């Protein structure tokens, strides 16, 4: 299994190394450590990082992302699972509301042209 250094991951995904270290500290990703104590990331870690960045772009907080990852990794309690479901429903509603606003803005811009 191929492993990637923090430098390689940072360059490939355009995520600062300090951010990668912070995600490790928060246990959002858990890269393995070599004998030299350097972090080494797997392909799955890189997919998780891409997912994290996408969720951040979608206005999820890091705490919400951690909850979601715990849910996916079956580390969440039943109560956490219900909270995640509510969170996702709330986010979906927010996105639908934003879409309405953006459609209205697009119509206004069209009328200006």
N, C-alpha and C. Protein backbone atom coordinates (compact mmCIF):
# COMPACT_ATOMS: atom_id res chain seq x y z
N UNK A 1 0.84 -1.17 0.00
CA UNK A 1 0.00 0.00 0.00
C UNK A 1 0.90 1.24 0.00
N UNK A 2 0.64 2.13 -0.95
CA UNK A 2 1.45 3.33 -1.07
C UNK A 2 1.09 4.32 0.04
N UNK A 3 2.12 4.96 0.57
CA UNK A 3 1.93 5.98 1.61
C UNK A 3 2.54 7.29 1.13
N UNK A 4 1.96 8.36 1.59
CA UNK A 4 2.37 9.69 1.16
C UNK A 4 2.80 10.53 2.35
N UNK A 5 3.84 11.30 2.16
CA UNK A 5 4.32 12.19 3.22
C UNK A 5 3.38 13.39 3.34
N UNK A 6 3.51 14.11 4.42
CA UNK A 6 2.68 15.29 4.63
C UNK A 6 2.94 16.32 3.52
N UNK A 7 4.18 16.41 3.07
CA UNK A 7 4.52 17.33 1.99
C UNK A 7 3.79 16.95 0.70
N UNK A 8 3.80 15.66 0.38
CA UNK A 8 3.13 15.18 -0.84
C UNK A 8 1.62 15.43 -0.77
N UNK A 9 1.03 15.14 0.37
CA UNK A 9 -0.41 15.34 0.54
C UNK A 9 -0.75 16.83 0.44
N UNK A 10 0.05 17.64 1.09
CA UNK A 10 -0.17 19.09 1.07
C UNK A 10 -0.13 19.62 -0.36
N UNK A 11 0.85 19.19 -1.12
CA UNK A 11 0.99 19.66 -2.50
C UNK A 11 -0.14 19.12 -3.39
N UNK A 12 -0.47 17.86 -3.21
CA UNK A 12 -1.48 17.22 -4.07
C UNK A 12 -2.88 17.77 -3.82
N UNK A 13 -3.22 17.97 -2.55
CA UNK A 13 -4.58 18.39 -2.19
C UNK A 13 -4.69 19.89 -1.93
N UNK A 14 -3.57 20.59 -1.95
CA UNK A 14 -3.55 22.04 -1.70
C UNK A 14 -4.10 22.37 -0.31
N UNK A 15 -3.67 21.58 0.66
CA UNK A 15 -4.04 21.81 2.06
C UNK A 15 -2.74 22.11 2.81
N UNK A 16 -2.67 23.23 3.51
CA UNK A 16 -1.43 23.55 4.24
C UNK A 16 -1.05 22.45 5.23
N UNK A 17 0.25 22.27 5.41
CA UNK A 17 0.74 21.23 6.33
C UNK A 17 0.23 21.46 7.75
N UNK A 18 0.17 22.71 8.18
CA UNK A 18 -0.35 23.01 9.52
C UNK A 18 -1.81 22.55 9.66
N UNK A 19 -2.57 22.69 8.61
CA UNK A 19 -3.97 22.23 8.63
C UNK A 19 -4.02 20.72 8.73
N UNK A 20 -3.15 20.03 8.00
CA UNK A 20 -3.10 18.56 8.08
C UNK A 20 -2.75 18.11 9.49
N UNK A 21 -1.81 18.79 10.10
CA UNK A 21 -1.43 18.46 11.49
C UNK A 21 -2.61 18.70 12.44
N UNK A 22 -3.33 19.78 12.20
CA UNK A 22 -4.49 20.11 13.03
C UNK A 22 -5.58 19.04 12.89
N UNK A 23 -5.84 18.61 11.67
CA UNK A 23 -6.83 17.54 11.45
C UNK A 23 -6.41 16.26 12.17
N UNK A 24 -5.11 15.99 12.19
CA UNK A 24 -4.60 14.82 12.92
C UNK A 24 -4.85 15.00 14.42
N UNK A 25 -4.58 16.19 14.91
CA UNK A 25 -4.79 16.48 16.34
C UNK A 25 -6.25 16.29 16.73
N UNK A 26 -7.16 16.68 15.82
CA UNK A 26 -8.60 16.54 16.07
C UNK A 26 -9.11 15.12 15.80
N UNK A 27 -8.24 14.27 15.30
CA UNK A 27 -8.59 12.88 14.96
C UNK A 27 -9.57 12.79 13.79
N UNK A 28 -9.55 13.80 12.92
CA UNK A 28 -10.35 13.71 11.70
C UNK A 28 -9.73 12.72 10.74
N UNK A 29 -8.42 12.71 10.69
CA UNK A 29 -7.65 11.68 9.98
C UNK A 29 -6.57 11.21 10.93
N UNK A 30 -6.15 9.99 10.75
CA UNK A 30 -5.12 9.42 11.63
C UNK A 30 -4.03 8.78 10.80
N UNK A 31 -3.13 9.60 10.25
CA UNK A 31 -2.05 9.02 9.46
C UNK A 31 -1.15 8.17 10.35
N UNK A 32 -0.54 7.17 9.74
CA UNK A 32 0.39 6.35 10.50
C UNK A 32 1.68 7.14 10.72
N UNK A 33 2.50 6.66 11.63
CA UNK A 33 3.78 7.31 11.93
C UNK A 33 4.90 6.35 11.62
N UNK A 34 5.92 6.86 10.95
CA UNK A 34 7.10 6.06 10.69
C UNK A 34 8.02 6.06 11.91
N UNK A 35 9.09 5.29 11.83
CA UNK A 35 10.06 5.26 12.93
C UNK A 35 10.63 6.65 13.20
N UNK A 36 10.65 7.46 12.14
CA UNK A 36 11.14 8.83 12.26
C UNK A 36 10.08 9.79 12.83
N UNK A 37 8.89 9.26 13.17
CA UNK A 37 7.74 10.00 13.72
C UNK A 37 7.06 10.89 12.67
N UNK A 38 7.44 10.77 11.40
CA UNK A 38 6.77 11.51 10.34
C UNK A 38 5.40 10.89 10.09
N UNK A 39 4.48 11.73 9.65
CA UNK A 39 3.14 11.24 9.29
C UNK A 39 3.18 10.67 7.87
N UNK A 40 2.47 9.55 7.70
CA UNK A 40 2.33 8.94 6.38
C UNK A 40 0.86 8.66 6.13
N UNK A 41 0.38 9.17 5.01
CA UNK A 41 -1.04 9.10 4.67
C UNK A 41 -1.30 8.02 3.62
N UNK A 42 -2.43 7.33 3.77
CA UNK A 42 -2.85 6.33 2.80
C UNK A 42 -3.78 6.99 1.78
N UNK A 43 -4.14 6.22 0.76
CA UNK A 43 -5.13 6.69 -0.22
C UNK A 43 -6.45 7.02 0.48
N UNK A 44 -6.85 6.17 1.44
CA UNK A 44 -8.10 6.42 2.17
C UNK A 44 -8.02 7.72 2.97
N UNK A 45 -6.87 7.98 3.58
CA UNK A 45 -6.68 9.25 4.30
C UNK A 45 -6.87 10.43 3.35
N UNK A 46 -6.33 10.29 2.14
CA UNK A 46 -6.44 11.38 1.17
C UNK A 46 -7.90 11.57 0.73
N UNK A 47 -8.63 10.48 0.58
CA UNK A 47 -10.06 10.60 0.26
C UNK A 47 -10.82 11.28 1.40
N UNK A 48 -10.48 10.89 2.63
CA UNK A 48 -11.11 11.52 3.80
C UNK A 48 -10.81 13.02 3.83
N UNK A 49 -9.58 13.39 3.51
CA UNK A 49 -9.21 14.80 3.50
C UNK A 49 -9.99 15.57 2.44
N UNK A 50 -10.16 14.97 1.29
CA UNK A 50 -10.96 15.61 0.24
C UNK A 50 -12.40 15.79 0.71
N UNK A 51 -12.91 14.79 1.40
CA UNK A 51 -14.27 14.85 1.92
C UNK A 51 -14.38 15.96 2.97
N UNK A 52 -13.39 16.06 3.83
CA UNK A 52 -13.37 17.11 4.85
C UNK A 52 -13.40 18.49 4.20
N UNK A 53 -12.57 18.68 3.21
CA UNK A 53 -12.52 19.98 2.53
C UNK A 53 -13.84 20.30 1.85
N UNK A 54 -14.47 19.29 1.26
CA UNK A 54 -15.77 19.49 0.63
C UNK A 54 -16.82 19.87 1.66
N UNK A 55 -16.80 19.18 2.79
CA UNK A 55 -17.78 19.48 3.85
C UNK A 55 -17.55 20.87 4.43
N UNK A 56 -16.29 21.27 4.57
CA UNK A 56 -16.00 22.63 5.04
C UNK A 56 -16.58 23.65 4.07
N UNK A 57 -16.40 23.39 2.78
CA UNK A 57 -16.92 24.29 1.74
C UNK A 57 -18.45 24.37 1.83
N UNK A 58 -19.06 23.27 2.27
CA UNK A 58 -20.51 23.21 2.40
C UNK A 58 -20.99 23.71 3.77
N UNK A 59 -20.13 24.45 4.45
CA UNK A 59 -20.47 25.11 5.72
C UNK A 59 -20.64 24.17 6.91
N UNK A 60 -20.03 22.99 6.87
CA UNK A 60 -20.00 22.13 8.05
C UNK A 60 -18.86 22.61 8.94
N UNK A 61 -19.08 22.62 10.25
CA UNK A 61 -17.99 22.94 11.17
C UNK A 61 -17.12 21.70 11.34
N UNK A 62 -15.92 21.88 11.88
CA UNK A 62 -15.05 20.73 12.12
C UNK A 62 -15.67 19.78 13.14
N UNK A 63 -16.38 20.32 14.12
CA UNK A 63 -17.07 19.46 15.10
C UNK A 63 -18.14 18.61 14.41
N UNK A 64 -18.88 19.21 13.49
CA UNK A 64 -19.89 18.47 12.74
C UNK A 64 -19.25 17.40 11.86
N UNK A 65 -18.13 17.76 11.25
CA UNK A 65 -17.42 16.80 10.40
C UNK A 65 -16.93 15.63 11.23
N UNK A 66 -16.40 15.92 12.42
CA UNK A 66 -15.93 14.85 13.30
C UNK A 66 -17.10 13.93 13.68
N UNK A 67 -18.24 14.52 14.01
CA UNK A 67 -19.44 13.73 14.32
C UNK A 67 -19.79 12.83 13.15
N UNK A 68 -19.76 13.39 11.96
CA UNK A 68 -20.12 12.64 10.76
C UNK A 68 -19.15 11.48 10.53
N UNK A 69 -17.86 11.73 10.70
CA UNK A 69 -16.87 10.66 10.53
C UNK A 69 -17.04 9.58 11.60
N UNK A 70 -17.32 9.98 12.83
CA UNK A 70 -17.58 8.99 13.88
C UNK A 70 -18.78 8.12 13.51
N UNK A 71 -19.80 8.76 12.96
CA UNK A 71 -21.00 8.05 12.52
C UNK A 71 -20.64 7.05 11.42
N UNK A 72 -19.86 7.50 10.45
CA UNK A 72 -19.47 6.61 9.34
C UNK A 72 -18.59 5.47 9.82
N UNK A 73 -17.78 5.73 10.82
CA UNK A 73 -16.85 4.70 11.32
C UNK A 73 -17.50 3.86 12.43
N UNK A 74 -18.79 4.02 12.61
CA UNK A 74 -19.56 3.27 13.61
C UNK A 74 -19.05 3.50 15.03
N UNK A 75 -18.54 4.69 15.29
CA UNK A 75 -18.08 5.04 16.63
C UNK A 75 -19.09 5.89 17.38
N UNK A 76 -20.18 6.21 16.70
CA UNK A 76 -21.16 7.12 17.29
C UNK A 76 -22.20 6.34 18.09
N UNK A 77 -22.66 6.98 19.14
CA UNK A 77 -23.75 6.40 19.93
C UNK A 77 -25.06 6.56 19.16
N UNK A 78 -26.10 5.92 19.65
CA UNK A 78 -27.41 6.04 19.01
C UNK A 78 -27.88 7.50 19.01
N UNK A 79 -27.62 8.18 20.11
CA UNK A 79 -27.99 9.60 20.20
C UNK A 79 -27.22 10.43 19.17
N UNK A 80 -25.92 10.14 19.02
CA UNK A 80 -25.11 10.85 18.02
C UNK A 80 -25.65 10.61 16.62
N UNK A 81 -26.08 9.39 16.35
CA UNK A 81 -26.63 9.06 15.03
C UNK A 81 -27.88 9.91 14.74
N UNK A 82 -28.74 10.05 15.74
CA UNK A 82 -29.93 10.88 15.57
C UNK A 82 -29.55 12.34 15.36
N UNK A 83 -28.53 12.79 16.09
CA UNK A 83 -28.06 14.18 15.92
C UNK A 83 -27.51 14.40 14.52
N UNK A 84 -26.79 13.42 14.00
CA UNK A 84 -26.23 13.53 12.64
C UNK A 84 -27.36 13.60 11.62
N UNK A 85 -28.36 12.76 11.79
CA UNK A 85 -29.50 12.78 10.86
C UNK A 85 -30.18 14.15 10.88
N UNK A 86 -30.37 14.70 12.08
CA UNK A 86 -30.98 16.04 12.19
C UNK A 86 -30.08 17.10 11.55
N UNK A 87 -28.79 16.98 11.80
CA UNK A 87 -27.84 17.93 11.22
C UNK A 87 -27.91 17.90 9.70
N UNK A 88 -27.92 16.72 9.12
CA UNK A 88 -27.96 16.60 7.66
C UNK A 88 -29.27 17.14 7.10
N UNK A 89 -30.36 16.89 7.79
CA UNK A 89 -31.65 17.45 7.35
C UNK A 89 -31.63 18.97 7.42
N UNK A 90 -31.06 19.52 8.50
CA UNK A 90 -30.95 20.98 8.63
C UNK A 90 -30.09 21.56 7.52
N UNK A 91 -28.96 20.92 7.24
CA UNK A 91 -28.07 21.41 6.17
C UNK A 91 -28.78 21.37 4.83
N UNK A 92 -29.51 20.29 4.58
CA UNK A 92 -30.24 20.16 3.32
C UNK A 92 -31.25 21.30 3.17
N UNK A 93 -31.95 21.62 4.24
CA UNK A 93 -32.91 22.72 4.22
C UNK A 93 -32.20 24.05 3.96
N UNK A 94 -31.06 24.26 4.60
CA UNK A 94 -30.28 25.49 4.37
C UNK A 94 -29.86 25.61 2.91
N UNK A 95 -29.42 24.49 2.31
CA UNK A 95 -29.00 24.51 0.91
C UNK A 95 -30.17 24.84 -0.01
N UNK A 96 -31.34 24.27 0.28
CA UNK A 96 -32.52 24.57 -0.53
C UNK A 96 -32.89 26.04 -0.44
N UNK A 97 -32.77 26.61 0.77
CA UNK A 97 -33.05 28.03 0.94
C UNK A 97 -32.05 28.89 0.17
N UNK A 98 -30.78 28.50 0.21
CA UNK A 98 -29.75 29.24 -0.53
C UNK A 98 -30.00 29.16 -2.03
N UNK A 99 -30.43 28.00 -2.50
CA UNK A 99 -30.72 27.84 -3.93
C UNK A 99 -31.82 28.81 -4.33
N UNK A 100 -32.86 28.94 -3.51
CA UNK A 100 -33.94 29.89 -3.81
C UNK A 100 -33.39 31.31 -3.92
N UNK A 101 -32.56 31.68 -2.96
CA UNK A 101 -31.98 33.03 -2.96
C UNK A 101 -31.14 33.24 -4.22
N UNK A 102 -30.29 32.26 -4.56
CA UNK A 102 -29.44 32.40 -5.74
C UNK A 102 -30.26 32.45 -7.02
N UNK A 103 -31.36 31.72 -7.09
CA UNK A 103 -32.23 31.78 -8.27
C UNK A 103 -32.84 33.17 -8.39
N UNK A 104 -33.24 33.74 -7.26
CA UNK A 104 -33.80 35.09 -7.27
C UNK A 104 -32.75 36.09 -7.74
N UNK A 105 -31.54 35.95 -7.24
CA UNK A 105 -30.45 36.84 -7.65
C UNK A 105 -30.18 36.70 -9.14
N UNK A 106 -30.16 35.46 -9.64
CA UNK A 106 -29.92 35.23 -11.07
C UNK A 106 -31.01 35.88 -11.91
N UNK A 107 -32.24 35.80 -11.46
CA UNK A 107 -33.35 36.44 -12.18
C UNK A 107 -33.18 37.95 -12.18
N UNK A 108 -32.79 38.52 -11.04
CA UNK A 108 -32.56 39.97 -10.97
C UNK A 108 -31.45 40.39 -11.92
N UNK A 109 -30.39 39.62 -11.96
CA UNK A 109 -29.27 39.94 -12.86
C UNK A 109 -29.72 39.83 -14.31
N UNK A 110 -30.48 38.79 -14.63
CA UNK A 110 -31.01 38.65 -16.00
C UNK A 110 -31.84 39.86 -16.39
N UNK A 111 -32.64 40.36 -15.46
CA UNK A 111 -33.49 41.52 -15.74
C UNK A 111 -32.68 42.80 -15.93
N UNK A 112 -31.49 42.84 -15.35
CA UNK A 112 -30.61 44.01 -15.51
C UNK A 112 -29.93 44.02 -16.87
N UNK A 113 -29.80 42.85 -17.47
CA UNK A 113 -29.08 42.74 -18.76
C UNK A 113 -29.92 43.17 -19.93
